[in-house]
N, C-alpha and C. Protein backbone atom coordinates (compact mmCIF):
# COMPACT_ATOMS: atom_id res chain seq x y z
N UNK A 1 11.90 -14.01 -4.33
CA UNK A 1 11.83 -12.50 -4.07
C UNK A 1 10.47 -12.00 -3.36
N UNK A 2 10.59 -11.03 -2.32
CA UNK A 2 9.56 -10.42 -1.81
C UNK A 2 8.92 -9.11 -2.91
N UNK A 3 7.77 -9.38 -3.11
CA UNK A 3 7.19 -7.98 -4.02
C UNK A 3 6.66 -7.17 -2.77
N UNK A 4 7.19 -6.03 -2.87
CA UNK A 4 6.74 -4.73 -2.35
C UNK A 4 5.83 -3.50 -3.33
N UNK A 5 5.48 -2.78 -2.41
CA UNK A 5 4.67 -1.82 -3.22
C UNK A 5 5.10 -0.47 -3.19
N UNK A 6 5.09 0.14 -4.50
CA UNK A 6 5.49 1.74 -4.23
C UNK A 6 4.20 2.45 -3.67
N UNK A 7 4.64 3.51 -3.43
CA UNK A 7 3.49 4.84 -3.19
C UNK A 7 2.41 4.77 -4.51
N UNK A 8 3.03 4.79 -5.20
CA UNK A 8 1.53 5.09 -6.23
C UNK A 8 1.07 3.66 -6.30
N UNK A 9 1.62 2.78 -6.10
CA UNK A 9 1.04 1.43 -6.59
C UNK A 9 -0.36 1.27 -5.49
N UNK A 10 0.29 1.64 -4.11
CA UNK A 10 -0.80 1.47 -2.62
C UNK A 10 -1.68 2.77 -2.97
N UNK A 11 -1.65 3.61 -3.57
CA UNK A 11 -2.50 4.69 -3.97
C UNK A 11 -3.47 4.27 -5.07
N UNK A 12 -3.12 3.76 -6.09
CA UNK A 12 -3.83 3.19 -7.19
C UNK A 12 -4.73 2.09 -6.48
N UNK A 13 -4.20 1.37 -5.77
CA UNK A 13 -4.84 0.14 -4.87
C UNK A 13 -6.29 0.63 -4.04
N UNK A 14 -5.70 1.64 -3.36
CA UNK A 14 -6.74 2.24 -2.43
C UNK A 14 -7.59 3.60 -3.13
N UNK A 15 -7.27 3.59 -4.51
CA UNK A 15 -8.05 4.40 -5.19
C UNK A 15 -8.09 5.72 -4.46
N UNK A 16 -6.85 6.35 -4.05
CA UNK A 16 -6.60 7.99 -3.60
C UNK A 16 -5.57 8.18 -4.13
N UNK A 17 -5.26 9.66 -4.19
CA UNK A 17 -3.97 10.28 -4.57
C UNK A 17 -2.82 9.73 -3.82
N UNK A 18 -1.72 9.81 -4.43
CA UNK A 18 -0.32 9.60 -3.79
C UNK A 18 -0.07 10.45 -2.68
N UNK A 19 -0.45 11.63 -2.81
CA UNK A 19 -0.34 12.47 -1.49
C UNK A 19 -0.97 12.04 -0.29
N UNK A 20 -2.14 11.58 -0.60
CA UNK A 20 -2.77 10.97 0.36
C UNK A 20 -2.15 10.09 1.29
N UNK A 21 -1.53 8.84 0.62
CA UNK A 21 -0.85 7.85 1.08
C UNK A 21 0.56 8.72 1.77
N UNK A 22 1.04 9.53 1.19
CA UNK A 22 2.04 10.23 1.85
C UNK A 22 1.72 10.73 3.28
N UNK A 23 0.57 11.55 3.55
CA UNK A 23 -0.02 12.15 4.69
C UNK A 23 0.05 10.83 5.48
N UNK A 24 -0.64 9.81 5.21
CA UNK A 24 -1.02 8.48 6.18
C UNK A 24 0.11 8.48 6.43
N UNK A 25 1.43 8.27 5.80
CA UNK A 25 2.62 7.92 6.17
C UNK A 25 3.28 8.97 7.30
N UNK A 26 3.32 10.18 6.80
CA UNK A 26 3.70 11.37 7.78
C UNK A 26 3.16 11.23 8.96
N UNK A 27 1.75 10.27 9.43
CA UNK A 27 1.16 10.48 10.90
C UNK A 27 1.28 9.19 11.12
N UNK A 28 1.98 8.17 10.21
CA UNK A 28 2.29 6.79 10.77
C UNK A 28 0.99 5.85 10.96
N UNK A 29 0.07 6.59 10.17
CA UNK A 29 -1.19 5.68 10.16
C UNK A 29 -1.21 4.41 9.12
N UNK A 30 -0.18 4.44 8.21
CA UNK A 30 -0.38 3.20 7.33
C UNK A 30 0.97 2.40 7.17
N UNK A 31 1.29 1.22 7.35
CA UNK A 31 2.37 0.52 7.72
C UNK A 31 3.23 0.65 6.59
N UNK A 32 4.59 0.95 6.71
CA UNK A 32 5.51 1.21 5.69
C UNK A 32 6.97 1.17 6.01
N UNK A 33 7.91 1.09 5.18
CA UNK A 33 9.40 1.02 5.53
C UNK A 33 10.08 1.78 4.28
N UNK A 34 11.21 2.49 4.82
CA UNK A 34 12.23 2.93 3.91
C UNK A 34 13.35 1.92 3.51
N UNK A 35 13.43 1.39 2.45
CA UNK A 35 14.29 0.77 2.27
C UNK A 35 15.46 1.40 1.47
N UNK A 36 16.78 1.14 2.17
CA UNK A 36 17.94 1.99 1.73
C UNK A 36 18.37 1.71 0.14
N UNK A 37 18.56 2.90 -0.30
CA UNK A 37 18.88 2.88 -2.02
C UNK A 37 17.30 2.72 -2.83
N UNK A 38 16.42 2.48 -1.98
CA UNK A 38 15.16 2.29 -3.01
C UNK A 38 14.07 3.28 -2.54
N UNK A 39 14.10 3.27 -1.36
CA UNK A 39 12.83 4.28 -1.02
C UNK A 39 11.64 3.68 0.01
N UNK A 40 10.71 4.17 0.07
CA UNK A 40 9.69 3.92 0.45
C UNK A 40 8.95 2.85 -0.06
N UNK A 41 8.62 1.54 0.71
CA UNK A 41 8.06 0.64 0.10
C UNK A 41 7.04 0.08 1.20
N UNK A 42 6.00 -0.58 0.55
CA UNK A 42 4.79 -1.38 1.47
C UNK A 42 4.73 -2.78 1.24
N UNK A 43 4.62 -3.65 2.58
CA UNK A 43 4.60 -4.95 2.21
C UNK A 43 3.09 -5.12 1.97
N UNK A 44 2.63 -5.71 1.05
CA UNK A 44 0.91 -6.09 0.46
C UNK A 44 0.52 -7.04 1.31
N UNK A 45 1.31 -7.74 2.48
CA UNK A 45 0.59 -8.17 3.59
C UNK A 45 0.07 -7.32 4.53
N UNK A 46 1.04 -6.78 5.09
CA UNK A 46 0.70 -5.52 5.54
C UNK A 46 -0.25 -4.60 5.61
N UNK A 47 -0.40 -4.40 4.04
CA UNK A 47 -1.38 -3.08 3.70
C UNK A 47 -2.73 -4.03 3.83
N UNK A 48 -3.03 -5.36 3.59
CA UNK A 48 -4.20 -6.02 3.62
C UNK A 48 -4.41 -6.09 4.74
N UNK A 49 -3.49 -6.43 6.00
CA UNK A 49 -3.92 -6.50 7.49
C UNK A 49 -4.71 -5.38 7.79
N UNK A 50 -3.90 -4.10 7.43
CA UNK A 50 -4.45 -2.70 7.74
C UNK A 50 -5.69 -2.47 7.59
N UNK A 51 -5.77 -2.74 6.03
CA UNK A 51 -7.41 -2.61 5.67
C UNK A 51 -8.30 -3.41 6.54
N UNK A 52 -8.07 -4.86 6.69
CA UNK A 52 -9.00 -5.73 7.39
C UNK A 52 -9.17 -5.10 8.87
N UNK A 53 -8.34 -4.41 9.27
CA UNK A 53 -8.56 -3.76 10.46
C UNK A 53 -9.42 -2.91 10.75
N UNK A 54 -9.97 -2.40 9.47
CA UNK A 54 -11.40 -1.20 9.51
C UNK A 54 -10.34 -0.12 8.76
N UNK A 55 -9.52 0.03 8.22
CA UNK A 55 -9.04 1.28 7.70
C UNK A 55 -9.37 1.45 6.54
N UNK A 56 -9.86 0.48 5.82
CA UNK A 56 -10.12 0.63 4.44
C UNK A 56 -10.96 -0.58 3.93
N UNK A 57 -12.19 -0.61 3.22
CA UNK A 57 -12.72 -1.53 2.60
C UNK A 57 -11.83 -2.59 1.87
N UNK A 58 -12.33 -4.22 2.13
CA UNK A 58 -11.32 -5.07 1.70
C UNK A 58 -11.62 -6.02 0.42
N UNK A 59 -12.94 -5.15 0.15
CA UNK A 59 -13.65 -5.89 -1.01
C UNK A 59 -12.55 -5.94 -2.52
N UNK A 60 -12.28 -7.22 -2.86
CA UNK A 60 -11.83 -7.61 -4.15
C UNK A 60 -10.54 -7.40 -3.85
N UNK A 61 -10.31 -7.50 -2.51
CA UNK A 61 -8.59 -7.17 -2.19
C UNK A 61 -7.34 -7.88 -3.47
N UNK A 62 -7.83 -9.36 -3.20
CA UNK A 62 -6.83 -9.97 -4.29
C UNK A 62 -6.92 -9.79 -5.78
N UNK A 63 -8.19 -9.16 -6.13
CA UNK A 63 -8.11 -9.01 -7.51
C UNK A 63 -7.48 -7.49 -7.76
N UNK A 64 -7.43 -6.58 -6.75
CA UNK A 64 -6.93 -5.30 -6.77
C UNK A 64 -5.63 -5.56 -6.83
N UNK A 65 -4.92 -6.02 -5.98
CA UNK A 65 -3.18 -6.37 -5.90
C UNK A 65 -2.83 -6.95 -7.00
N UNK A 66 -3.72 -8.15 -7.57
CA UNK A 66 -2.98 -8.64 -8.65
C UNK A 66 -2.87 -7.70 -9.88
N UNK A 67 -3.85 -7.04 -10.06
CA UNK A 67 -3.97 -5.78 -11.23
C UNK A 67 -2.85 -5.12 -11.01
N UNK A 68 -2.52 -4.54 -9.78
CA UNK A 68 -1.29 -3.81 -9.88
C UNK A 68 -0.12 -4.39 -9.97
N UNK A 69 -0.07 -5.60 -9.48
CA UNK A 69 1.27 -6.46 -9.60
C UNK A 69 1.69 -6.77 -11.10
N UNK A 70 0.38 -6.84 -11.65
CA UNK A 70 0.91 -7.34 -12.99
C UNK A 70 0.89 -6.16 -14.08
N UNK A 71 1.03 -5.09 -13.60
CA UNK A 71 1.64 -3.95 -14.30
C UNK A 71 2.80 -3.72 -15.07
C-alpha cells in the first residue's frame, strides 16, 4: 500500500504551519493531489524531489519522514 502524507504531516516535516502548505497548494507551488473521498494528499517521493530541487533543504529528510510516518 502506498503511504501518502496529509497537509498536517507535510507541515510538520517542513516545520511550517499547515496554512503555509495550503498557500503553497493554492499557488500550485508544491506537488499534491486530491484523492476522492479522502482529501488532499502528498506523495513523499514527490515532496522529497520538490525539496531537492531547491525549494526546501533536504537535511535529514529520511529521518524526518520516518518520524512522521511512525506516528
